[in-house]
């Protein structure tokens, strides 16, 4: 049976619809991002992790979100440009979404249902991260303040 993760779709920053099924067989880190947040420098660590492990079937999926302190107010091209110019982001980035509330993206409703945080399922801030196995199982949820390098040990376990 297909884990539900593979049933979702999302649009890239350029508007192309992508199925999570495209990432079958890869370990995935899903992150809600923002370009004007105190945690935005995490893009650097995420990119370093991606570059180090992408040849071992690892991918990061970035989902910009403007639900926390209006920290992602830009357009798709603003977001793409900022990620590239400021942090050299080369992992897939998706259209701006909502992660909480009635209009939360279905993928985020699913992820939050599978792995709650300390204070319930609600996403508390930008840069909440979810680790998904190469079989599509949601393994772990990391707080916004968890630096990407702290995820590396769990990632290595998934990849070995």
Protein backbone atom coordinates (compact mmCIF):
# COMPACT_ATOMS: atom_id res chain seq x y z
CA UNK A 1 0.00 0.00 0.00
CA UNK A 2 1.16 3.52 -0.82
CA UNK A 3 1.79 5.73 2.19
CA UNK A 4 -0.49 8.77 1.98
CA UNK A 5 2.44 11.18 1.61
CA UNK A 6 2.63 10.18 -2.05
CA UNK A 7 -1.02 11.13 -2.67
CA UNK A 8 -0.37 14.88 -2.36
CA UNK A 9 0.51 17.47 -4.98
CA UNK A 10 1.84 20.98 -4.76
CA UNK A 11 2.79 23.73 -7.20
CA UNK A 12 6.39 24.87 -7.54
CA UNK A 13 7.28 28.56 -7.38
CA UNK A 14 7.02 28.57 -11.18
CA UNK A 15 3.48 27.12 -11.00
CA UNK A 16 4.31 23.56 -12.12
CA UNK A 17 2.20 20.89 -10.37
CA UNK A 18 4.39 18.23 -8.75
CA UNK A 19 3.23 14.98 -7.18
CA UNK A 20 4.93 13.82 -3.99
CA UNK A 21 5.02 10.48 -5.80
CA UNK A 22 7.94 11.99 -7.77
CA UNK A 23 9.99 11.67 -4.55
CA UNK A 24 9.25 7.97 -4.00
CA UNK A 25 12.43 6.18 -2.93
CA UNK A 26 13.97 9.38 -1.55
CA UNK A 27 14.30 10.53 2.04
CA UNK A 28 12.48 13.87 2.21
CA UNK A 29 12.68 16.85 4.57
CA UNK A 30 9.62 19.12 4.31
CA UNK A 31 10.13 22.65 5.69
CA UNK A 32 7.84 25.69 5.91
CA UNK A 33 10.04 28.69 5.13
CA UNK A 34 10.07 32.49 5.26
CA UNK A 35 12.57 34.98 3.90
CA UNK A 36 12.23 37.70 6.55
CA UNK A 37 12.43 35.59 9.69
CA UNK A 38 15.12 35.43 12.38
CA UNK A 39 15.48 31.77 11.40
CA UNK A 40 15.91 32.49 7.68
CA UNK A 41 19.68 31.84 7.86
CA UNK A 42 18.68 28.16 8.27
CA UNK A 43 18.40 28.17 4.46
CA UNK A 44 22.20 28.01 4.48
CA UNK A 45 22.26 24.88 6.66
CA UNK A 46 19.44 23.29 4.70
CA UNK A 47 21.28 23.90 1.43
CA UNK A 48 24.50 22.43 2.89
CA UNK A 49 22.58 19.31 4.00
CA UNK A 50 20.93 19.03 0.59
CA UNK A 51 24.21 19.36 -1.31
CA UNK A 52 25.92 16.81 0.94
CA UNK A 53 23.24 14.12 0.63
CA UNK A 54 21.27 14.76 -2.57
CA UNK A 55 23.29 12.12 -4.43
CA UNK A 56 22.14 9.61 -1.78
CA UNK A 57 18.47 10.08 -2.67
CA UNK A 58 17.73 12.90 -0.27
CA UNK A 59 15.62 15.96 -1.09
CA UNK A 60 14.39 19.01 0.79
CA UNK A 61 11.03 20.53 -0.13
CA UNK A 62 10.58 24.16 0.88
CA UNK A 63 7.09 25.60 1.39
CA UNK A 64 7.05 29.38 1.88
CA UNK A 65 4.41 30.53 4.35
CA UNK A 66 3.29 34.01 5.39
CA UNK A 67 1.25 32.99 8.46
CA UNK A 68 3.86 33.97 11.04
CA UNK A 69 4.53 37.67 11.54
CA UNK A 70 4.08 38.51 7.84
CA UNK A 71 7.60 37.21 7.23
CA UNK A 72 7.01 35.94 3.68
CA UNK A 73 5.12 38.81 2.01
CA UNK A 74 6.75 38.52 -1.43
CA UNK A 75 5.60 37.10 -4.74
CA UNK A 76 6.81 33.76 -6.08
CA UNK A 77 9.56 35.48 -8.06
CA UNK A 78 10.61 37.53 -4.99
CA UNK A 79 10.88 34.33 -2.96
CA UNK A 80 12.79 32.48 -5.68
CA UNK A 81 15.18 35.37 -6.19
CA UNK A 82 15.79 35.83 -2.46
CA UNK A 83 16.44 32.13 -1.87
CA UNK A 84 18.87 31.95 -4.76
CA UNK A 85 20.72 35.24 -4.29
CA UNK A 86 20.97 35.18 -0.49
CA UNK A 87 21.37 31.48 0.20
CA UNK A 88 22.07 29.67 -3.08
CA UNK A 89 19.04 27.43 -2.55
CA UNK A 90 18.92 24.68 -5.16
CA UNK A 91 16.38 22.31 -3.56
CA UNK A 92 12.75 22.44 -4.76
CA UNK A 93 10.71 25.39 -3.54
CA UNK A 94 6.94 25.48 -3.79
CA UNK A 95 4.27 28.18 -3.97
CA UNK A 96 3.40 30.04 -0.80
CA UNK A 97 0.91 28.04 1.26
CA UNK A 98 -0.85 28.13 4.61
CA UNK A 99 0.18 25.52 7.15
CA UNK A 100 -2.48 26.20 9.80
CA UNK A 101 -6.20 26.89 9.77
CA UNK A 102 -9.02 26.05 7.38
CA UNK A 103 -6.92 26.89 4.31
CA UNK A 104 -3.91 24.81 5.35
CA UNK A 105 -2.42 22.88 2.45
CA UNK A 106 -3.64 19.24 2.53
CA UNK A 107 -0.03 18.01 2.77
CA UNK A 108 0.45 20.02 5.96
CA UNK A 109 -2.85 18.80 7.41
CA UNK A 110 -1.54 15.27 6.86
CA UNK A 111 1.95 15.93 8.26
CA UNK A 112 0.56 17.60 11.40
CA UNK A 113 -1.87 14.70 11.88
CA UNK A 114 0.99 12.19 11.68
CA UNK A 115 3.41 14.06 13.96
CA UNK A 116 2.23 16.53 16.57
CA UNK A 117 4.57 19.00 18.21
CA UNK A 118 4.98 19.85 21.90
CA UNK A 119 1.78 21.91 21.93
CA UNK A 120 -0.41 19.83 19.64
CA UNK A 121 -0.44 19.60 15.89
CA UNK A 122 -0.41 23.31 15.08
CA UNK A 123 2.73 24.64 13.36
CA UNK A 124 4.18 27.21 15.76
CA UNK A 125 6.54 29.12 13.46
CA UNK A 126 8.60 29.14 10.27
CA UNK A 127 11.15 26.38 9.69
CA UNK A 128 9.23 23.53 11.31
CA UNK A 129 10.65 20.41 9.64
CA UNK A 130 9.28 16.93 8.92
CA UNK A 131 11.51 13.97 8.02
CA UNK A 132 9.90 11.42 5.71
CA UNK A 133 11.40 8.02 4.94
CA UNK A 134 12.15 6.73 1.45
CA UNK A 135 8.97 4.66 1.89
CA UNK A 136 6.83 7.77 2.52
CA UNK A 137 6.43 7.39 6.29
CA UNK A 138 6.53 10.53 8.45
CA UNK A 139 9.33 9.74 10.90
CA UNK A 140 10.00 12.87 12.87
CA UNK A 141 9.01 16.49 13.41
CA UNK A 142 11.59 19.12 14.35
CA UNK A 143 10.95 22.47 16.00
CA UNK A 144 11.66 25.72 14.14
CA UNK A 145 14.80 26.29 16.21
CA UNK A 146 16.30 22.88 15.40
CA UNK A 147 19.26 23.70 13.19
CA UNK A 148 19.61 21.62 10.01
CA UNK A 149 22.95 20.16 11.16
CA UNK A 150 21.16 18.67 14.21
CA UNK A 151 19.00 16.63 11.80
CA UNK A 152 22.02 15.09 10.10
CA UNK A 153 22.31 12.12 12.52
CA UNK A 154 18.68 11.11 11.88
CA UNK A 155 19.17 11.66 8.18
CA UNK A 156 22.26 9.41 8.07
CA UNK A 157 20.25 6.67 9.81
CA UNK A 158 17.57 6.96 7.12
CA UNK A 159 20.06 6.85 4.29
CA UNK A 160 22.05 3.85 5.57
